[in-house]
């Protein structure tokens, strides 16, 4: 069990190995869910993407425009486990 010290300002510093275990890097956010009996659940906050941010993600990566038939063939190959 890791013990942490709270400063006079109410701040806590996590050791590097704890942050690595949680998958938290500098600049990341942390979520703390308060549970009954004075417990808390701490985890790395994962950004939630929106469909708007997803649209256009690959735009400009290629000049090839696929037809609907080519897209359907690629999907069928993917489902069949073929590349």
C-alpha atoms as a PDB file:
ATOM      1  CA  UNK A   1       0.000   0.000   0.000  1.00  0.00           C
ATOM      2  CA  UNK A   2       1.306   3.437  -0.915  1.00  0.00           C
ATOM      3  CA  UNK A   3       1.000   6.206   1.668  1.00  0.00           C
ATOM      4  CA  UNK A   4       0.891   9.835   0.598  1.00  0.00           C
ATOM      5  CA  UNK A   5       1.325  13.027   2.602  1.00  0.00           C
ATOM      6  CA  UNK A   6      -1.109  15.914   2.297  1.00  0.00           C
ATOM      7  CA  UNK A   7       0.460  19.392   2.307  1.00  0.00           C
ATOM      8  CA  UNK A   8      -0.942  22.401   4.179  1.00  0.00           C
ATOM      9  CA  UNK A   9      -2.549  23.474   0.874  1.00  0.00           C
ATOM     10  CA  UNK A  10      -4.355  20.109   0.619  1.00  0.00           C
ATOM     11  CA  UNK A  11      -2.147  18.889  -2.210  1.00  0.00           C
ATOM     12  CA  UNK A  12      -0.805  15.381  -2.711  1.00  0.00           C
ATOM     13  CA  UNK A  13       2.157  14.285  -4.828  1.00  0.00           C
ATOM     14  CA  UNK A  14       1.991  10.834  -6.389  1.00  0.00           C
ATOM     15  CA  UNK A  15       5.158   8.816  -6.855  1.00  0.00           C
ATOM     16  CA  UNK A  16       6.258   8.092 -10.391  1.00  0.00           C
ATOM     17  CA  UNK A  17       5.570   4.350 -10.104  1.00  0.00           C
ATOM     18  CA  UNK A  18       1.982   5.042  -8.990  1.00  0.00           C
ATOM     19  CA  UNK A  19       1.380   7.356 -11.943  1.00  0.00           C
ATOM     20  CA  UNK A  20       2.866   4.799 -14.340  1.00  0.00           C
ATOM     21  CA  UNK A  21       0.641   2.083 -12.877  1.00  0.00           C
ATOM     22  CA  UNK A  22      -2.413   4.279 -13.463  1.00  0.00           C
ATOM     23  CA  UNK A  23      -1.257   5.192 -16.969  1.00  0.00           C
ATOM     24  CA  UNK A  24      -1.098   8.890 -16.117  1.00  0.00           C
ATOM     25  CA  UNK A  25       1.390  11.176 -17.865  1.00  0.00           C
ATOM     26  CA  UNK A  26       2.230  14.840 -17.198  1.00  0.00           C
ATOM     27  CA  UNK A  27      -0.688  17.027 -18.260  1.00  0.00           C
ATOM     28  CA  UNK A  28      -3.241  14.199 -17.998  1.00  0.00           C
ATOM     29  CA  UNK A  29      -6.388  14.533 -15.898  1.00  0.00           C
ATOM     30  CA  UNK A  30      -7.371  12.278 -12.998  1.00  0.00           C
ATOM     31  CA  UNK A  31     -10.904  11.235 -12.035  1.00  0.00           C
ATOM     32  CA  UNK A  32     -11.790  10.671  -8.391  1.00  0.00           C
ATOM     33  CA  UNK A  33     -15.117   9.028  -7.575  1.00  0.00           C
ATOM     34  CA  UNK A  34     -16.117   9.424  -3.924  1.00  0.00           C
ATOM     35  CA  UNK A  35     -17.452   6.157  -2.501  1.00  0.00           C
ATOM     36  CA  UNK A  36     -19.195   5.315   0.774  1.00  0.00           C
ATOM     37  CA  UNK A  37     -17.209   4.895   3.990  1.00  0.00           C
ATOM     38  CA  UNK A  38     -14.694   7.600   3.068  1.00  0.00           C
ATOM     39  CA  UNK A  39     -13.208   5.659   0.170  1.00  0.00           C
ATOM     40  CA  UNK A  40     -12.394   6.962  -3.269  1.00  0.00           C
ATOM     41  CA  UNK A  41     -11.784   5.415  -6.679  1.00  0.00           C
ATOM     42  CA  UNK A  42      -8.907   7.056  -8.544  1.00  0.00           C
ATOM     43  CA  UNK A  43      -8.311   6.548 -12.271  1.00  0.00           C
ATOM     44  CA  UNK A  44      -6.902   8.287 -15.300  1.00  0.00           C
ATOM     45  CA  UNK A  45      -9.509  10.420 -17.038  1.00  0.00           C
ATOM     46  CA  UNK A  46      -9.827   9.355 -20.643  1.00  0.00           C
ATOM     47  CA  UNK A  47     -10.954  11.984 -23.104  1.00  0.00           C
ATOM     48  CA  UNK A  48     -14.326  11.342 -24.667  1.00  0.00           C
ATOM     49  CA  UNK A  49     -14.320  11.944 -28.386  1.00  0.00           C
ATOM     50  CA  UNK A  50     -17.214  13.253 -30.376  1.00  0.00           C
ATOM     51  CA  UNK A  51     -18.355  12.191 -33.819  1.00  0.00           C
ATOM     52  CA  UNK A  52     -17.512  15.714 -34.996  1.00  0.00           C
ATOM     53  CA  UNK A  53     -13.867  15.246 -33.960  1.00  0.00           C
ATOM     54  CA  UNK A  54     -13.811  11.830 -35.657  1.00  0.00           C
ATOM     55  CA  UNK A  55     -15.152  13.059 -38.987  1.00  0.00           C
ATOM     56  CA  UNK A  56     -12.273  14.135 -41.160  1.00  0.00           C
ATOM     57  CA  UNK A  57      -9.684  12.345 -39.013  1.00  0.00           C
ATOM     58  CA  UNK A  58      -8.105  10.784 -42.090  1.00  0.00           C
ATOM     59  CA  UNK A  59      -8.878  13.650 -44.460  1.00  0.00           C
ATOM     60  CA  UNK A  60      -5.949  14.592 -46.659  1.00  0.00           C
ATOM     61  CA  UNK A  61      -4.061  11.348 -46.008  1.00  0.00           C
ATOM     62  CA  UNK A  62      -4.620  10.043 -49.511  1.00  0.00           C
ATOM     63  CA  UNK A  63      -5.782  11.295 -52.869  1.00  0.00           C
ATOM     64  CA  UNK A  64      -7.507   8.029 -53.798  1.00  0.00           C
ATOM     65  CA  UNK A  65     -11.279   8.057 -53.681  1.00  0.00           C
ATOM     66  CA  UNK A  66     -12.831   4.627 -53.187  1.00  0.00           C
ATOM     67  CA  UNK A  67     -16.093   3.629 -54.814  1.00  0.00           C
ATOM     68  CA  UNK A  68     -18.847   2.078 -52.737  1.00  0.00           C
ATOM     69  CA  UNK A  69     -18.053  -1.258 -54.362  1.00  0.00           C
ATOM     70  CA  UNK A  70     -14.388  -1.018 -53.320  1.00  0.00           C
ATOM     71  CA  UNK A  71     -15.415  -0.099 -49.777  1.00  0.00           C
ATOM     72  CA  UNK A  72     -17.813  -3.068 -49.608  1.00  0.00           C
ATOM     73  CA  UNK A  73     -15.096  -5.423 -50.908  1.00  0.00           C
ATOM     74  CA  UNK A  74     -12.647  -4.150 -48.280  1.00  0.00           C
ATOM     75  CA  UNK A  75     -15.260  -4.692 -45.569  1.00  0.00           C
ATOM     76  CA  UNK A  76     -15.943  -8.226 -46.789  1.00  0.00           C
ATOM     77  CA  UNK A  77     -12.209  -9.037 -46.839  1.00  0.00           C
ATOM     78  CA  UNK A  78     -11.867  -7.636 -43.311  1.00  0.00           C
ATOM     79  CA  UNK A  79     -14.702  -9.808 -42.011  1.00  0.00           C
ATOM     80  CA  UNK A  80     -13.157 -12.825 -43.733  1.00  0.00           C
ATOM     81  CA  UNK A  81      -9.818 -12.117 -42.045  1.00  0.00           C
ATOM     82  CA  UNK A  82      -8.087 -11.305 -45.334  1.00  0.00           C
ATOM     83  CA  UNK A  83      -5.933  -8.267 -46.065  1.00  0.00           C
END
